[in-house]
Structure formats: C-alpha cells, structure tokens
C-alpha cells in the first residue's frame, strides 16, 4: 500500500533514507544460553542494503508512532501479531531531519523462524546470538546502532 510518506529523503548528514517522516523497526529479542538472541530479517537482495541482516522495519506513515509503525512492519514482513510481543524501550538514531527508531520487544510465546510468514522483502529470518553478529553481514544502520542497543538488551 502506497502512503504519501513513502519515498527517499536526504538527511542533514547527507545520507539517503527511505521514509519521508522517518522509519521504525522492531528488534525482537530473547534470552539465550550465551546471552541475548535477536530475531533478524535477511533482507531481500533487491531491497536497499539487500543481502544484509537487520530489523524488520520501514517508513512511518504520517502521524504514526514509531511503536505502531514497528508493529505494523513486523506484521507485514514476518507475520508476527502485536499480541505475540511485549514492547520495551526504544532507541532513536537521529540524523537531523530524519530518524530511525528501533523498538525492542520480547516474544510472549515461542517464535520459530520456520513458522513465520515472510513477504517479498525478506529472504529469511533467524535467531542470532548477540555474540554471533560478527558472522553475518549486517545492515549498516543496524550495525551503527548496536552500541546503543547493546545497553538496552543487557538491561
């Protein structure tokens, strides 16, 4: 569905971003045997930064809160429903005139990647231990935010 807020913008830092009023994504995490595990999306090759791993997310609609936008995107891209998740804190990556909000969430039920319904924006989804992120190519924006997200995941 096309929204008047879909489209590319250039932030004050000179970076090109999708979402005229910003974007948001959902970082689903759970406790693993060796620390936090993250449910990450393998972005479709045709998409911006395709082939990398990151949070399901996308452009916010006009007047939409980051939490609502992140829940909408994870439902569209992975088939997860709001009642499957408990929302936690959020972290904002502000680029001046454009921002990406990562909303953390914990599953309230067992979530297995094979049971999710992926749309065309995902080539896969997996639980990846925080310590194993170095073994996969990460979306550059997600990778740049890890220092802020790490503290929230450890809390």
Protein backbone atom coordinates (compact mmCIF):
# COMPACT_ATOMS: atom_id res chain seq x y z
CA UNK A 1 0.00 0.00 0.00
CA UNK A 2 1.47 3.35 -1.05
CA UNK A 3 1.50 6.09 1.54
CA UNK A 4 2.26 9.75 0.94
CA UNK A 5 5.25 9.26 3.29
CA UNK A 6 6.88 6.57 1.12
CA UNK A 7 9.90 7.95 -0.66
CA UNK A 8 13.55 8.80 -0.36
CA UNK A 9 14.88 11.72 1.66
CA UNK A 10 18.34 13.09 2.35
CA UNK A 11 19.13 13.85 5.98
CA UNK A 12 21.27 16.67 7.36
CA UNK A 13 24.24 14.28 7.36
CA UNK A 14 23.88 13.77 3.60
CA UNK A 15 22.64 10.16 3.82
CA UNK A 16 19.80 8.84 1.69
CA UNK A 17 16.95 7.21 3.68
CA UNK A 18 13.55 5.64 2.98
CA UNK A 19 10.55 7.26 4.68
CA UNK A 20 9.73 10.94 4.36
CA UNK A 21 8.74 11.26 8.04
CA UNK A 22 11.24 8.72 9.38
CA UNK A 23 11.20 4.98 9.83
CA UNK A 24 10.99 2.38 12.57
CA UNK A 25 11.80 -1.27 13.13
CA UNK A 26 11.25 -3.92 15.75
CA UNK A 27 14.13 -5.71 17.46
CA UNK A 28 12.67 -8.90 18.91
CA UNK A 29 14.99 -10.45 21.47
CA UNK A 30 15.00 -13.34 23.92
CA UNK A 31 17.35 -14.79 26.49
CA UNK A 32 19.64 -17.43 25.02
CA UNK A 33 22.09 -19.79 26.66
CA UNK A 34 25.01 -17.45 25.88
CA UNK A 35 23.20 -14.11 26.22
CA UNK A 36 20.59 -12.28 24.15
CA UNK A 37 19.38 -13.71 20.84
CA UNK A 38 17.92 -11.41 18.19
CA UNK A 39 15.24 -12.27 15.63
CA UNK A 40 16.71 -10.72 12.49
CA UNK A 41 15.46 -10.43 8.94
CA UNK A 42 17.68 -11.31 5.97
CA UNK A 43 16.80 -8.51 3.59
CA UNK A 44 15.79 -9.44 0.05
CA UNK A 45 18.58 -8.91 -2.46
CA UNK A 46 16.54 -6.37 -4.46
CA UNK A 47 15.97 -4.11 -1.42
CA UNK A 48 18.11 -1.22 -0.14
CA UNK A 49 21.16 -2.87 1.50
CA UNK A 50 19.83 -6.22 0.27
CA UNK A 51 21.53 -9.35 1.49
CA UNK A 52 22.20 -7.89 4.93
CA UNK A 53 20.65 -8.81 8.28
CA UNK A 54 18.71 -6.33 10.40
CA UNK A 55 15.40 -5.49 11.99
CA UNK A 56 12.13 -5.73 10.08
CA UNK A 57 11.02 -2.16 9.59
CA UNK A 58 10.20 0.61 7.20
CA UNK A 59 8.73 4.03 6.57
CA UNK A 60 6.39 5.54 9.13
CA UNK A 61 3.00 6.80 7.99
CA UNK A 62 2.02 10.41 8.69
CA UNK A 63 1.02 10.75 12.35
CA UNK A 64 2.02 7.16 13.17
CA UNK A 65 4.01 6.49 16.34
CA UNK A 66 7.28 4.57 15.98
CA UNK A 67 5.85 1.76 18.13
CA UNK A 68 2.79 1.38 15.90
CA UNK A 69 4.90 1.59 12.75
CA UNK A 70 7.35 -1.04 14.01
CA UNK A 71 4.48 -3.40 14.91
CA UNK A 72 2.86 -2.82 11.52
CA UNK A 73 6.11 -3.54 9.69
CA UNK A 74 6.87 -6.75 11.61
CA UNK A 75 3.35 -7.96 10.87
CA UNK A 76 3.70 -7.15 7.16
CA UNK A 77 7.22 -8.60 6.79
CA UNK A 78 7.21 -11.58 9.20
CA UNK A 79 3.56 -12.19 10.05
CA UNK A 80 4.01 -11.52 13.78
CA UNK A 81 0.98 -10.04 15.52
CA UNK A 82 1.02 -7.35 18.24
CA UNK A 83 -0.28 -9.89 20.77
CA UNK A 84 2.81 -12.06 20.09
CA UNK A 85 5.08 -9.39 21.55
CA UNK A 86 5.63 -7.25 24.62
CA UNK A 87 7.10 -3.86 23.72
CA UNK A 88 10.09 -2.50 25.60
CA UNK A 89 12.26 0.60 25.34
CA UNK A 90 13.11 2.35 22.08
CA UNK A 91 16.32 3.83 20.71
CA UNK A 92 16.34 6.71 18.21
CA UNK A 93 19.04 7.18 15.59
CA UNK A 94 18.57 10.87 14.71
CA UNK A 95 20.25 12.08 11.52
CA UNK A 96 18.82 15.60 11.56
CA UNK A 97 15.54 15.83 9.68
CA UNK A 98 15.21 12.05 9.55
CA UNK A 99 15.35 9.37 12.24
CA UNK A 100 15.06 5.61 12.64
CA UNK A 101 13.51 4.31 15.84
CA UNK A 102 14.35 0.78 16.94
CA UNK A 103 11.67 -0.55 19.28
CA UNK A 104 12.71 -3.50 21.41
CA UNK A 105 10.23 -6.31 22.06
CA UNK A 106 10.18 -9.69 23.78
CA UNK A 107 8.10 -12.59 22.48
CA UNK A 108 5.26 -13.70 24.75
CA UNK A 109 5.18 -17.11 23.04
CA UNK A 110 7.70 -19.37 21.35
CA UNK A 111 8.57 -17.97 17.93
CA UNK A 112 10.32 -20.22 15.44
CA UNK A 113 11.54 -18.76 12.12
CA UNK A 114 10.07 -21.67 10.12
CA UNK A 115 6.59 -20.75 11.41
CA UNK A 116 6.71 -17.13 10.22
CA UNK A 117 5.07 -15.86 7.03
CA UNK A 118 7.65 -13.84 5.11
CA UNK A 119 6.73 -11.29 2.49
CA UNK A 120 8.88 -10.44 -0.52
CA UNK A 121 11.09 -8.08 1.49
CA UNK A 122 12.70 -10.97 3.38
CA UNK A 123 14.89 -13.80 2.11
CA UNK A 124 14.88 -15.36 5.57
CA UNK A 125 14.68 -14.84 9.29
CA UNK A 126 16.72 -16.33 12.13
CA UNK A 127 17.51 -16.09 15.81
CA UNK A 128 21.12 -14.91 16.01
CA UNK A 129 23.05 -14.65 19.28
CA UNK A 130 24.34 -11.17 20.01
CA UNK A 131 27.87 -12.56 20.15
CA UNK A 132 27.49 -14.15 16.69
CA UNK A 133 26.53 -10.96 14.83
CA UNK A 134 30.10 -10.67 13.56
CA UNK A 135 29.49 -13.79 11.44
CA UNK A 136 26.75 -12.26 9.24
CA UNK A 137 26.65 -9.14 7.04
CA UNK A 138 24.65 -6.54 8.97
CA UNK A 139 22.54 -3.68 7.63
CA UNK A 140 24.85 -0.66 8.07
CA UNK A 141 22.28 1.36 10.03
CA UNK A 142 21.61 -1.54 12.39
CA UNK A 143 25.33 -2.17 12.82
CA UNK A 144 25.96 1.50 13.61
CA UNK A 145 23.22 1.41 16.29
CA UNK A 146 24.45 -1.71 18.07
CA UNK A 147 26.42 0.21 20.70
CA UNK A 148 23.18 1.89 21.89
CA UNK A 149 21.06 -1.23 21.52
CA UNK A 150 23.57 -3.40 23.40
CA UNK A 151 22.95 -1.48 26.62
CA UNK A 152 19.17 -1.85 26.27
CA UNK A 153 19.47 -5.58 25.55
CA UNK A 154 21.66 -6.12 28.58
CA UNK A 155 19.31 -4.28 30.95
